[in-house]
Amino acid sequence: MRNQAVVVLDREEFKNQSTDIQVGGTKVTASSSSPYDIPEAVQSYRNEQKGIYTFEVKYIGPDEPTDTVSFGKDIEIRAGRNSKRIYAITVHPADPHSKTSVLNTIRVGVSQLQAHDGFPRKDNYRMVDNAFLKVGDRVLDMLMFGETGPIRKAAG
């Protein structure tokens, strides 16, 4: 079993994703066009003794200082102090040996951050959530079952 895994994302899949929002009672389609908001890789770590997983999200450009937000004892998210982008999610799932439990805990954390008043980066959070939907199984296979190869490019 591995304690670390990296998956490089296909950034093209995340470009031009849009969402419908309400502006003054009018439905508007908005999209994140900033390349700095699009995740480029997910680097993951597992502490098998504690049953804790940490998923770091990598972006182009420099890192920034982060603030940590906790949602109960099972979810901790590090978000950029200025950008509010998700930089890391640490989870202590109910069943650390179940991919479904780990992925559900991540998705609960992202949705709780989306609902949090001080974190307005809904497009970034949606892209991070979509990244976990696309590569979560692959990352967890690497961590739990020792799939070989340090870096895998996520296929669409």
Protein backbone atom coordinates (compact mmCIF):
# COMPACT_ATOMS: atom_id res chain seq x y z
CA MET A 1 0.00 0.00 0.00
CA ARG A 2 1.10 3.53 -0.71
CA ASN A 3 1.06 6.54 1.56
CA GLN A 4 1.18 9.11 -1.26
CA ALA A 5 -0.36 9.47 -4.72
CA VAL A 6 -0.39 12.20 -7.37
CA VAL A 7 -2.86 12.53 -10.23
CA VAL A 8 -2.35 15.18 -12.90
CA LEU A 9 -5.67 16.53 -14.13
CA ASP A 10 -6.68 17.33 -17.70
CA ARG A 11 -7.25 21.07 -17.23
CA GLU A 12 -9.09 21.33 -20.56
CA GLU A 13 -12.01 19.41 -19.03
CA PHE A 14 -12.51 22.15 -16.46
CA LYS A 15 -12.37 25.14 -18.81
CA ASN A 16 -15.64 26.76 -19.74
CA GLN A 17 -17.63 25.04 -17.01
CA SER A 18 -20.57 27.24 -16.26
CA THR A 19 -23.26 27.58 -13.66
CA ASP A 20 -26.56 29.43 -13.52
CA ILE A 21 -26.88 32.17 -10.91
CA GLN A 22 -29.52 34.77 -10.06
CA VAL A 23 -28.56 38.43 -10.50
CA GLY A 24 -31.29 40.88 -9.54
CA GLY A 25 -33.96 38.27 -10.23
CA THR A 26 -32.52 37.42 -13.65
CA LYS A 27 -31.00 34.01 -14.40
CA VAL A 28 -27.43 34.46 -15.71
CA THR A 29 -24.95 31.81 -16.83
CA ALA A 30 -21.53 32.45 -15.31
CA SER A 31 -18.26 30.68 -15.92
CA SER A 32 -14.84 30.77 -14.36
CA SER A 33 -12.42 31.83 -17.03
CA SER A 34 -9.41 32.32 -14.79
CA PRO A 35 -6.79 29.62 -15.36
CA TYR A 36 -5.69 30.19 -11.76
CA ASP A 37 -8.94 28.68 -10.47
CA ILE A 38 -8.61 25.43 -12.40
CA PRO A 39 -7.01 22.56 -10.46
CA GLU A 40 -4.01 21.01 -12.23
CA ALA A 41 -3.23 18.11 -9.89
CA VAL A 42 -4.34 16.33 -6.74
CA GLN A 43 -1.62 15.10 -4.40
CA SER A 44 -2.87 12.76 -1.69
CA TYR A 45 -1.52 11.32 1.53
CA ARG A 46 -2.82 8.66 3.86
CA ASN A 47 -2.04 8.10 7.53
CA GLU A 48 -3.09 4.48 7.84
CA GLN A 49 -2.76 4.33 11.64
CA LYS A 50 -5.08 7.30 12.18
CA GLY A 51 -7.38 6.63 9.21
CA ILE A 52 -6.82 10.16 7.91
CA TYR A 53 -6.55 11.24 4.27
CA THR A 54 -5.21 14.57 3.03
CA PHE A 55 -5.85 15.73 -0.53
CA GLU A 56 -3.85 18.75 -1.69
CA VAL A 57 -5.11 20.62 -4.75
CA LYS A 58 -2.41 22.16 -6.95
CA TYR A 59 -2.91 25.19 -9.20
CA ILE A 60 -0.74 27.16 -11.62
CA GLY A 61 0.87 30.17 -10.03
CA PRO A 62 2.33 30.63 -6.57
CA ASP A 63 0.83 29.21 -3.40
CA GLU A 64 -0.52 31.61 -0.82
CA PRO A 65 -1.03 31.57 2.95
CA THR A 66 -4.06 29.52 3.96
CA ASP A 67 -6.69 29.52 6.67
CA THR A 68 -8.20 26.33 8.03
CA VAL A 69 -11.92 25.75 8.40
CA SER A 70 -13.16 22.70 10.31
CA PHE A 71 -16.52 21.03 9.90
CA GLY A 72 -16.84 18.78 12.91
CA LYS A 73 -14.03 16.42 13.79
CA ASP A 74 -14.00 14.66 10.42
CA ILE A 75 -13.38 17.45 7.89
CA GLU A 76 -10.75 20.18 7.72
CA ILE A 77 -10.28 22.42 4.67
CA ARG A 78 -7.39 24.78 3.99
CA ALA A 79 -8.45 27.66 1.75
CA GLY A 80 -6.36 30.50 0.38
CA ARG A 81 -6.41 33.49 2.68
CA ASN A 82 -7.00 35.91 -0.21
CA SER A 83 -8.29 33.78 -3.09
CA LYS A 84 -10.41 31.39 -0.96
CA ARG A 85 -9.43 28.56 -3.35
CA ILE A 86 -9.36 25.10 -1.82
CA TYR A 87 -5.74 24.06 -1.23
CA ALA A 88 -6.25 20.98 0.93
CA ILE A 89 -8.95 18.77 2.36
CA THR A 90 -8.19 16.49 5.30
CA VAL A 91 -10.82 13.91 6.16
CA HIS A 92 -11.28 11.29 8.86
CA PRO A 93 -14.03 9.18 7.26
CA ALA A 94 -16.31 6.86 9.23
CA ASP A 95 -14.80 3.90 7.36
CA PRO A 96 -11.22 4.69 6.25
CA HIS A 97 -11.07 1.44 4.25
CA SER A 98 -14.07 2.33 2.09
CA LYS A 99 -13.51 4.46 -1.01
CA THR A 100 -17.17 5.48 -0.90
CA SER A 101 -16.86 6.68 2.70
CA VAL A 102 -13.72 8.71 1.92
CA LEU A 103 -15.18 10.29 -1.22
CA ASN A 104 -18.50 11.08 0.46
CA THR A 105 -16.69 12.78 3.34
CA ILE A 106 -14.72 14.93 0.86
CA ARG A 107 -17.88 15.91 -1.00
CA VAL A 108 -19.65 16.78 2.28
CA GLY A 109 -16.73 19.05 3.17
CA VAL A 110 -16.78 20.82 -0.20
CA SER A 111 -20.56 21.33 -0.01
CA GLN A 112 -20.28 22.71 3.53
CA LEU A 113 -17.60 25.14 2.38
CA GLN A 114 -19.86 26.23 -0.50
CA ALA A 115 -22.60 27.03 2.04
CA HIS A 116 -20.20 28.93 4.33
CA ASP A 117 -20.75 32.71 4.10
CA GLY A 118 -17.08 33.70 4.15
CA PHE A 119 -16.09 31.54 1.16
CA PRO A 120 -17.52 32.91 -2.10
CA ARG A 121 -15.53 30.86 -4.63
CA LYS A 122 -18.38 28.60 -5.76
CA ASP A 123 -16.86 27.96 -9.23
CA ASN A 124 -13.57 26.82 -7.73
CA TYR A 125 -15.36 24.59 -5.22
CA ARG A 126 -17.46 23.06 -8.00
CA MET A 127 -14.30 22.37 -10.06
CA VAL A 128 -12.59 20.75 -7.07
CA ASP A 129 -15.71 18.64 -6.43
CA ASN A 130 -15.74 17.61 -10.12
CA ALA A 131 -12.04 16.76 -9.93
CA PHE A 132 -12.73 14.36 -7.06
CA LEU A 133 -15.62 12.84 -8.99
CA LYS A 134 -13.28 12.22 -11.94
CA VAL A 135 -10.14 11.00 -10.16
CA GLY A 136 -11.16 10.10 -6.62
CA ASP A 137 -11.43 6.37 -7.30
CA ARG A 138 -8.05 6.33 -9.03
CA VAL A 139 -6.34 8.26 -6.23
CA LEU A 140 -7.82 6.00 -3.57
CA ASP A 141 -6.86 2.86 -5.52
CA MET A 142 -3.28 4.15 -5.49
CA LEU A 143 -3.39 4.84 -1.74
CA MET A 144 -5.36 1.78 -0.62
CA PHE A 145 -4.25 -0.92 -3.03
CA GLY A 146 -0.81 0.23 -4.15
CA GLU A 147 -1.49 0.85 -7.84
CA THR A 148 1.93 1.39 -9.38
CA GLY A 149 3.23 4.54 -10.98
CA PRO A 150 3.77 7.79 -9.10
CA ILE A 151 1.90 10.04 -11.54
CA ARG A 152 -1.16 9.32 -13.64
CA LYS A 153 -2.87 11.73 -16.00
CA ALA A 154 -6.61 11.72 -15.45
CA ALA A 155 -8.50 10.67 -18.54
CA GLY A 156 -11.92 12.12 -19.26
